[in-house]
Amino acid sequence: MIECKICKKQFNVLTTHLQKAHKMPKKVYRELYHTDEFVSPELKEKLQVAQESHREEKSAFAKQQWSDGTLKGKPRK
């Protein structure tokens, strides 16, 4: 989790909290607290794993379409 430096509460994503609870844009918070951390390390890791998995699935799908000739919607002769 990532801690809001204003109210000390913990969040996965800080930007929505800053806007709703403190009426503060991300840019102002960044300047006041000298940080670029707005997403918790745990969430970053989950997103990275999901992105890698999606990339692998997309690649496998494209390879399958290429091998059977349907990549561009035209079957191979």
PDB file of N, CA and C in Angstrom:
ATOM      1  N   MET A   1       0.846  -1.184   0.000  1.00  0.00           N
ATOM      2  CA  MET A   1       0.000   0.000   0.000  1.00  0.00           C
ATOM      3  C   MET A   1       0.892   1.248   0.000  1.00  0.00           C
ATOM      4  N   ILE A   2       0.297   2.344  -0.420  1.00  0.00           N
ATOM      5  CA  ILE A   2       1.018   3.611  -0.435  1.00  0.00           C
ATOM      6  C   ILE A   2       0.286   4.582   0.488  1.00  0.00           C
ATOM      7  N   GLU A   3       1.046   5.322   1.254  1.00  0.00           N
ATOM      8  CA  GLU A   3       0.456   6.203   2.258  1.00  0.00           C
ATOM      9  C   GLU A   3       0.283   7.626   1.739  1.00  0.00           C
ATOM     10  N   CYS A   4      -0.879   8.187   1.990  1.00  0.00           N
ATOM     11  CA  CYS A   4      -1.130   9.592   1.691  1.00  0.00           C
ATOM     12  C   CYS A   4      -0.346  10.400   2.731  1.00  0.00           C
ATOM     13  N   LYS A   5       0.474  11.304   2.274  1.00  0.00           N
ATOM     14  CA  LYS A   5       1.308  12.088   3.192  1.00  0.00           C
ATOM     15  C   LYS A   5       0.511  13.193   3.894  1.00  0.00           C
ATOM     16  N   ILE A   6      -0.727  13.384   3.488  1.00  0.00           N
ATOM     17  CA  ILE A   6      -1.575  14.394   4.117  1.00  0.00           C
ATOM     18  C   ILE A   6      -2.334  13.798   5.299  1.00  0.00           C
ATOM     19  N   CYS A   7      -3.031  12.686   5.062  1.00  0.00           N
ATOM     20  CA  CYS A   7      -3.892  12.115   6.107  1.00  0.00           C
ATOM     21  C   CYS A   7      -3.380  10.776   6.669  1.00  0.00           C
ATOM     22  N   LYS A   8      -2.281  10.275   6.105  1.00  0.00           N
ATOM     23  CA  LYS A   8      -1.625   9.043   6.571  1.00  0.00           C
ATOM     24  C   LYS A   8      -2.435   7.775   6.327  1.00  0.00           C
ATOM     25  N   LYS A   9      -3.464   7.813   5.485  1.00  0.00           N
ATOM     26  CA  LYS A   9      -4.231   6.617   5.152  1.00  0.00           C
ATOM     27  C   LYS A   9      -3.518   5.868   4.026  1.00  0.00           C
ATOM     28  N   GLN A  10      -3.791   4.568   3.941  1.00  0.00           N
ATOM     29  CA  GLN A  10      -3.140   3.693   2.969  1.00  0.00           C
ATOM     30  C   GLN A  10      -4.052   3.406   1.771  1.00  0.00           C
ATOM     31  N   PHE A  11      -3.471   3.395   0.568  1.00  0.00           N
ATOM     32  CA  PHE A  11      -4.222   3.154  -0.660  1.00  0.00           C
ATOM     33  C   PHE A  11      -3.398   2.363  -1.654  1.00  0.00           C
ATOM     34  N   ASN A  12      -4.080   1.730  -2.598  1.00  0.00           N
ATOM     35  CA  ASN A  12      -3.389   1.101  -3.724  1.00  0.00           C
ATOM     36  C   ASN A  12      -3.046   2.138  -4.784  1.00  0.00           C
ATOM     37  N   VAL A  13      -3.995   3.085  -4.987  1.00  0.00           N
ATOM     38  CA  VAL A  13      -3.807   4.173  -5.941  1.00  0.00           C
ATOM     39  C   VAL A  13      -4.142   5.472  -5.228  1.00  0.00           C
ATOM     40  N   LEU A  14      -3.236   6.401  -5.270  1.00  0.00           N
ATOM     41  CA  LEU A  14      -3.381   7.632  -4.496  1.00  0.00           C
ATOM     42  C   LEU A  14      -4.108   8.758  -5.235  1.00  0.00           C
ATOM     43  N   THR A  15      -4.059   8.772  -6.551  1.00  0.00           N
ATOM     44  CA  THR A  15      -4.584   9.920  -7.302  1.00  0.00           C
ATOM     45  C   THR A  15      -6.069  10.199  -7.074  1.00  0.00           C
ATOM     46  N   THR A  16      -6.901   9.162  -7.086  1.00  0.00           N
ATOM     47  CA  THR A  16      -8.335   9.360  -6.875  1.00  0.00           C
ATOM     48  C   THR A  16      -8.592   9.891  -5.466  1.00  0.00           C
ATOM     49  N   HIS A  17      -7.897   9.341  -4.483  1.00  0.00           N
ATOM     50  CA  HIS A  17      -8.036   9.809  -3.101  1.00  0.00           C
ATOM     51  C   HIS A  17      -7.667  11.288  -2.990  1.00  0.00           C
ATOM     52  N   LEU A  18      -6.567  11.663  -3.594  1.00  0.00           N
ATOM     53  CA  LEU A  18      -6.127  13.067  -3.523  1.00  0.00           C
ATOM     54  C   LEU A  18      -7.185  14.000  -4.102  1.00  0.00           C
ATOM     55  N   GLN A  19      -7.749  13.617  -5.223  1.00  0.00           N
ATOM     56  CA  GLN A  19      -8.752  14.454  -5.873  1.00  0.00           C
ATOM     57  C   GLN A  19     -10.032  14.547  -5.058  1.00  0.00           C
ATOM     58  N   LYS A  20     -10.510  13.412  -4.538  1.00  0.00           N
ATOM     59  CA  LYS A  20     -11.785  13.398  -3.819  1.00  0.00           C
ATOM     60  C   LYS A  20     -11.673  13.907  -2.383  1.00  0.00           C
ATOM     61  N   ALA A  21     -10.698  13.437  -1.638  1.00  0.00           N
ATOM     62  CA  ALA A  21     -10.608  13.771  -0.218  1.00  0.00           C
ATOM     63  C   ALA A  21      -9.932  15.114   0.041  1.00  0.00           C
ATOM     64  N   HIS A  22      -8.959  15.447  -0.778  1.00  0.00           N
ATOM     65  CA  HIS A  22      -8.172  16.664  -0.500  1.00  0.00           C
ATOM     66  C   HIS A  22      -8.305  17.730  -1.587  1.00  0.00           C
ATOM     67  N   LYS A  23      -9.077  17.414  -2.629  1.00  0.00           N
ATOM     68  CA  LYS A  23      -9.271  18.352  -3.750  1.00  0.00           C
ATOM     69  C   LYS A  23      -7.924  18.840  -4.281  1.00  0.00           C
ATOM     70  N   MET A  24      -6.988  17.895  -4.385  1.00  0.00           N
ATOM     71  CA  MET A  24      -5.632  18.243  -4.784  1.00  0.00           C
ATOM     72  C   MET A  24      -5.225  17.487  -6.047  1.00  0.00           C
ATOM     73  N   PRO A  25      -4.807  18.204  -7.076  1.00  0.00           N
ATOM     74  CA  PRO A  25      -4.309  17.526  -8.274  1.00  0.00           C
ATOM     75  C   PRO A  25      -2.982  16.812  -7.989  1.00  0.00           C
ATOM     76  N   LYS A  26      -2.739  15.789  -8.754  1.00  0.00           N
ATOM     77  CA  LYS A  26      -1.510  14.999  -8.634  1.00  0.00           C
ATOM     78  C   LYS A  26      -0.263  15.893  -8.738  1.00  0.00           C
ATOM     79  N   LYS A  27      -0.299  16.841  -9.641  1.00  0.00           N
ATOM     80  CA  LYS A  27       0.845  17.735  -9.869  1.00  0.00           C
ATOM     81  C   LYS A  27       1.195  18.529  -8.606  1.00  0.00           C
ATOM     82  N   VAL A  28       0.194  19.029  -7.912  1.00  0.00           N
ATOM     83  CA  VAL A  28       0.429  19.818  -6.694  1.00  0.00           C
ATOM     84  C   VAL A  28       1.013  18.930  -5.593  1.00  0.00           C
ATOM     85  N   TYR A  29       0.438  17.742  -5.419  1.00  0.00           N
ATOM     86  CA  TYR A  29       0.933  16.793  -4.413  1.00  0.00           C
ATOM     87  C   TYR A  29       2.393  16.445  -4.702  1.00  0.00           C
ATOM     88  N   ARG A  30       2.691  16.194  -5.974  1.00  0.00           N
ATOM     89  CA  ARG A  30       4.052  15.860  -6.395  1.00  0.00           C
ATOM     90  C   ARG A  30       5.028  16.975  -6.005  1.00  0.00           C
ATOM     91  N   GLU A  31       4.632  18.206  -6.248  1.00  0.00           N
ATOM     92  CA  GLU A  31       5.503  19.346  -5.939  1.00  0.00           C
ATOM     93  C   GLU A  31       5.656  19.556  -4.430  1.00  0.00           C
ATOM     94  N   LEU A  32       4.565  19.407  -3.687  1.00  0.00           N
ATOM     95  CA  LEU A  32       4.615  19.613  -2.236  1.00  0.00           C
ATOM     96  C   LEU A  32       5.408  18.538  -1.503  1.00  0.00           C
ATOM     97  N   TYR A  33       5.243  17.284  -1.951  1.00  0.00           N
ATOM     98  CA  TYR A  33       5.832  16.158  -1.222  1.00  0.00           C
ATOM     99  C   TYR A  33       6.986  15.479  -1.963  1.00  0.00           C
ATOM    100  N   HIS A  34       7.389  16.056  -3.088  1.00  0.00           N
ATOM    101  CA  HIS A  34       8.546  15.567  -3.852  1.00  0.00           C
ATOM    102  C   HIS A  34       8.502  14.062  -4.076  1.00  0.00           C
ATOM    103  N   THR A  35       7.418  13.615  -4.694  1.00  0.00           N
ATOM    104  CA  THR A  35       7.247  12.182  -4.956  1.00  0.00           C
ATOM    105  C   THR A  35       6.612  11.943  -6.316  1.00  0.00           C
ATOM    106  N   ASP A  36       6.952  10.805  -6.875  1.00  0.00           N
ATOM    107  CA  ASP A  36       6.307  10.346  -8.096  1.00  0.00           C
ATOM    108  C   ASP A  36       5.594   9.026  -7.854  1.00  0.00           C
ATOM    109  N   GLU A  37       5.453   8.655  -6.601  1.00  0.00           N
ATOM    110  CA  GLU A  37       4.807   7.393  -6.230  1.00  0.00           C
ATOM    111  C   GLU A  37       3.311   7.628  -5.999  1.00  0.00           C
ATOM    112  N   PHE A  38       2.508   7.088  -6.910  1.00  0.00           N
ATOM    113  CA  PHE A  38       1.061   7.231  -6.794  1.00  0.00           C
ATOM    114  C   PHE A  38       0.339   5.887  -6.854  1.00  0.00           C
ATOM    115  N   VAL A  39       1.108   4.823  -7.097  1.00  0.00           N
ATOM    116  CA  VAL A  39       0.565   3.462  -7.164  1.00  0.00           C
ATOM    117  C   VAL A  39       1.399   2.585  -6.240  1.00  0.00           C
ATOM    118  N   SER A  40       0.731   1.761  -5.438  1.00  0.00           N
ATOM    119  CA  SER A  40       1.443   0.907  -4.488  1.00  0.00           C
ATOM    120  C   SER A  40       2.341  -0.095  -5.217  1.00  0.00           C
ATOM    121  N   PRO A  41       3.450  -0.479  -4.599  1.00  0.00           N
ATOM    122  CA  PRO A  41       4.335  -1.478  -5.204  1.00  0.00           C
ATOM    123  C   PRO A  41       3.608  -2.800  -5.485  1.00  0.00           C
ATOM    124  N   GLU A  42       2.693  -3.177  -4.592  1.00  0.00           N
ATOM    125  CA  GLU A  42       1.935  -4.417  -4.781  1.00  0.00           C
ATOM    126  C   GLU A  42       1.085  -4.363  -6.052  1.00  0.00           C
ATOM    127  N   LEU A  43       0.408  -3.233  -6.252  1.00  0.00           N
ATOM    128  CA  LEU A  43      -0.427  -3.091  -7.436  1.00  0.00           C
ATOM    129  C   LEU A  43       0.432  -3.014  -8.694  1.00  0.00           C
ATOM    130  N   LYS A  44       1.560  -2.319  -8.628  1.00  0.00           N
ATOM    131  CA  LYS A  44       2.472  -2.254  -9.775  1.00  0.00           C
ATOM    132  C   LYS A  44       2.898  -3.654 -10.195  1.00  0.00           C
ATOM    133  N   GLU A  45       3.228  -4.489  -9.219  1.00  0.00           N
ATOM    134  CA  GLU A  45       3.666  -5.852  -9.514  1.00  0.00           C
ATOM    135  C   GLU A  45       2.536  -6.657 -10.162  1.00  0.00           C
ATOM    136  N   LYS A  46       1.329  -6.553  -9.613  1.00  0.00           N
ATOM    137  CA  LYS A  46       0.183  -7.262 -10.185  1.00  0.00           C
ATOM    138  C   LYS A  46      -0.083  -6.816 -11.617  1.00  0.00           C
ATOM    139  N   LEU A  47      -0.007  -5.518 -11.860  1.00  0.00           N
ATOM    140  CA  LEU A  47      -0.248  -4.987 -13.200  1.00  0.00           C
ATOM    141  C   LEU A  47       0.822  -5.459 -14.177  1.00  0.00           C
ATOM    142  N   GLN A  48       2.065  -5.506 -13.716  1.00  0.00           N
ATOM    143  CA  GLN A  48       3.160  -5.953 -14.569  1.00  0.00           C
ATOM    144  C   GLN A  48       2.987  -7.425 -14.945  1.00  0.00           C
ATOM    145  N   VAL A  49       2.629  -8.257 -13.968  1.00  0.00           N
ATOM    146  CA  VAL A  49       2.402  -9.679 -14.227  1.00  0.00           C
ATOM    147  C   VAL A  49       1.250  -9.847 -15.222  1.00  0.00           C
ATOM    148  N   ALA A  50       0.169  -9.114 -15.032  1.00  0.00           N
ATOM    149  CA  ALA A  50      -0.983  -9.201 -15.932  1.00  0.00           C
ATOM    150  C   ALA A  50      -0.604  -8.745 -17.341  1.00  0.00           C
ATOM    151  N   GLN A  51       0.186  -7.692 -17.432  1.00  0.00           N
ATOM    152  CA  GLN A  51       0.602  -7.170 -18.733  1.00  0.00           C
ATOM    153  C   GLN A  51       1.483  -8.184 -19.468  1.00  0.00           C
ATOM    154  N   GLU A  52       2.413  -8.805 -18.740  1.00  0.00           N
ATOM    155  CA  GLU A  52       3.284  -9.805 -19.354  1.00  0.00           C
ATOM    156  C   GLU A  52       2.479 -11.008 -19.834  1.00  0.00           C
ATOM    157  N   SER A  53       1.527 -11.442 -19.025  1.00  0.00           N
ATOM    158  CA  SER A  53       0.680 -12.566 -19.390  1.00  0.00           C
ATOM    159  C   SER A  53      -0.134 -12.239 -20.644  1.00  0.00           C
ATOM    160  N   HIS A  54      -0.693 -11.036 -20.685  1.00  0.00           N
ATOM    161  CA  HIS A  54      -1.486 -10.611 -21.843  1.00  0.00           C
ATOM    162  C   HIS A  54      -0.607 -10.561 -23.092  1.00  0.00           C
ATOM    163  N   ARG A  55       0.603 -10.048 -22.946  1.00  0.00           N
ATOM    164  CA  ARG A  55       1.521  -9.943 -24.069  1.00  0.00           C
ATOM    165  C   ARG A  55       1.847 -11.346 -24.618  1.00  0.00           C
ATOM    166  N   GLU A  56       2.079 -12.303 -23.717  1.00  0.00           N
ATOM    167  CA  GLU A  56       2.376 -13.671 -24.139  1.00  0.00           C
ATOM    168  C   GLU A  56       1.182 -14.304 -24.850  1.00  0.00           C
ATOM    169  N   GLU A  57      -0.012 -14.094 -24.315  1.00  0.00           N
ATOM    170  CA  GLU A  57      -1.215 -14.639 -24.947  1.00  0.00           C
ATOM    171  C   GLU A  57      -1.438 -14.034 -26.327  1.00  0.00           C
ATOM    172  N   LYS A  58      -1.225 -12.728 -26.428  1.00  0.00           N
ATOM    173  CA  LYS A  58      -1.403 -12.023 -27.697  1.00  0.00           C
ATOM    174  C   LYS A  58      -0.395 -12.534 -28.728  1.00  0.00           C
ATOM    175  N   SER A  59       0.832 -12.735 -28.291  1.00  0.00           N
ATOM    176  CA  SER A  59       1.874 -13.238 -29.176  1.00  0.00           C
ATOM    177  C   SER A  59       1.553 -14.648 -29.654  1.00  0.00           C
ATOM    178  N   ALA A  60       1.113 -15.510 -28.742  1.00  0.00           N
ATOM    179  CA  ALA A  60       0.762 -16.888 -29.102  1.00  0.00           C
ATOM    180  C   ALA A  60      -0.403 -16.898 -30.094  1.00  0.00           C
ATOM    181  N   PHE A  61      -1.394 -16.028 -29.872  1.00  0.00           N
ATOM    182  CA  PHE A  61      -2.544 -15.934 -30.763  1.00  0.00           C
ATOM    183  C   PHE A  61      -2.107 -15.489 -32.157  1.00  0.00           C
ATOM    184  N   ALA A  62      -1.242 -14.472 -32.225  1.00  0.00           N
ATOM    185  CA  ALA A  62      -0.758 -13.973 -33.517  1.00  0.00           C
ATOM    186  C   ALA A  62       0.053 -15.038 -34.241  1.00  0.00           C
ATOM    187  N   LYS A  63       0.892 -15.772 -33.502  1.00  0.00           N
ATOM    188  CA  LYS A  63       1.679 -16.840 -34.127  1.00  0.00           C
ATOM    189  C   LYS A  63       0.761 -17.913 -34.706  1.00  0.00           C
ATOM    190  N   GLN A  64      -0.298 -18.258 -33.970  1.00  0.00           N
ATOM    191  CA  GLN A  64      -1.243 -19.257 -34.448  1.00  0.00           C
ATOM    192  C   GLN A  64      -1.934 -18.768 -35.714  1.00  0.00           C
ATOM    193  N   GLN A  65      -2.355 -17.523 -35.721  1.00  0.00           N
ATOM    194  CA  GLN A  65      -3.020 -16.976 -36.905  1.00  0.00           C
ATOM    195  C   GLN A  65      -2.059 -16.916 -38.085  1.00  0.00           C
ATOM    196  N   TRP A  66      -0.811 -16.583 -37.817  1.00  0.00           N
ATOM    197  CA  TRP A  66       0.180 -16.512 -38.893  1.00  0.00           C
ATOM    198  C   TRP A  66       0.414 -17.906 -39.481  1.00  0.00           C
ATOM    199  N   SER A  67       0.522 -18.897 -38.603  1.00  0.00           N
ATOM    200  CA  SER A  67       0.811 -20.247 -39.080  1.00  0.00           C
ATOM    201  C   SER A  67      -0.349 -20.844 -39.874  1.00  0.00           C
ATOM    202  N   ASP A  68      -1.586 -20.489 -39.537  1.00  0.00           N
ATOM    203  CA  ASP A  68      -2.709 -21.035 -40.309  1.00  0.00           C
ATOM    204  C   ASP A  68      -3.180 -20.090 -41.416  1.00  0.00           C
ATOM    205  N   GLY A  69      -2.483 -18.958 -41.549  1.00  0.00           N
ATOM    206  CA  GLY A  69      -2.759 -18.057 -42.665  1.00  0.00           C
ATOM    207  C   GLY A  69      -3.907 -17.097 -42.475  1.00  0.00           C
ATOM    208  N   THR A  70      -4.451 -16.992 -41.276  1.00  0.00           N
ATOM    209  CA  THR A  70      -5.606 -16.109 -41.066  1.00  0.00           C
ATOM    210  C   THR A  70      -5.232 -14.777 -40.428  1.00  0.00           C
ATOM    211  N   LEU A  71      -3.954 -14.489 -40.351  1.00  0.00           N
ATOM    212  CA  LEU A  71      -3.516 -13.256 -39.683  1.00  0.00           C
ATOM    213  C   LEU A  71      -4.161 -12.022 -40.314  1.00  0.00           C
ATOM    214  N   LYS A  72      -4.246 -12.003 -41.645  1.00  0.00           N
ATOM    215  CA  LYS A  72      -4.840 -10.846 -42.309  1.00  0.00           C
ATOM    216  C   LYS A  72      -6.251 -11.149 -42.804  1.00  0.00           C
ATOM    217  N   GLY A  73      -6.855 -12.177 -42.226  1.00  0.00           N
ATOM    218  CA  GLY A  73      -8.224 -12.519 -42.601  1.00  0.00           C
ATOM    219  C   GLY A  73      -8.328 -13.343 -43.873  1.00  0.00           C
ATOM    220  N   LYS A  74      -7.195 -13.707 -44.449  1.00  0.00           N
ATOM    221  CA  LYS A  74      -7.211 -14.479 -45.693  1.00  0.00           C
ATOM    222  C   LYS A  74      -6.562 -15.845 -45.420  1.00  0.00           C
ATOM    223  N   PRO A  75      -7.308 -16.914 -45.615  1.00  0.00           N
ATOM    224  CA  PRO A  75      -6.713 -18.231 -45.407  1.00  0.00           C
ATOM    225  C   PRO A  75      -5.613 -18.513 -46.432  1.00  0.00           C
ATOM    226  N   ARG A  76      -4.594 -19.244 -46.009  1.00  0.00           N
ATOM    227  CA  ARG A  76      -3.521 -19.613 -46.929  1.00  0.00           C
ATOM    228  C   ARG A  76      -4.020 -20.618 -47.934  1.00  0.00           C
ATOM    229  N   LYS A  77      -3.447 -20.559 -49.119  1.00  0.00           N
ATOM    230  CA  LYS A  77      -3.817 -21.504 -50.185  1.00  0.00           C
ATOM    231  C   LYS A  77      -2.895 -22.697 -50.165  1.00  0.00           C
TER     232      LYS A  77
END
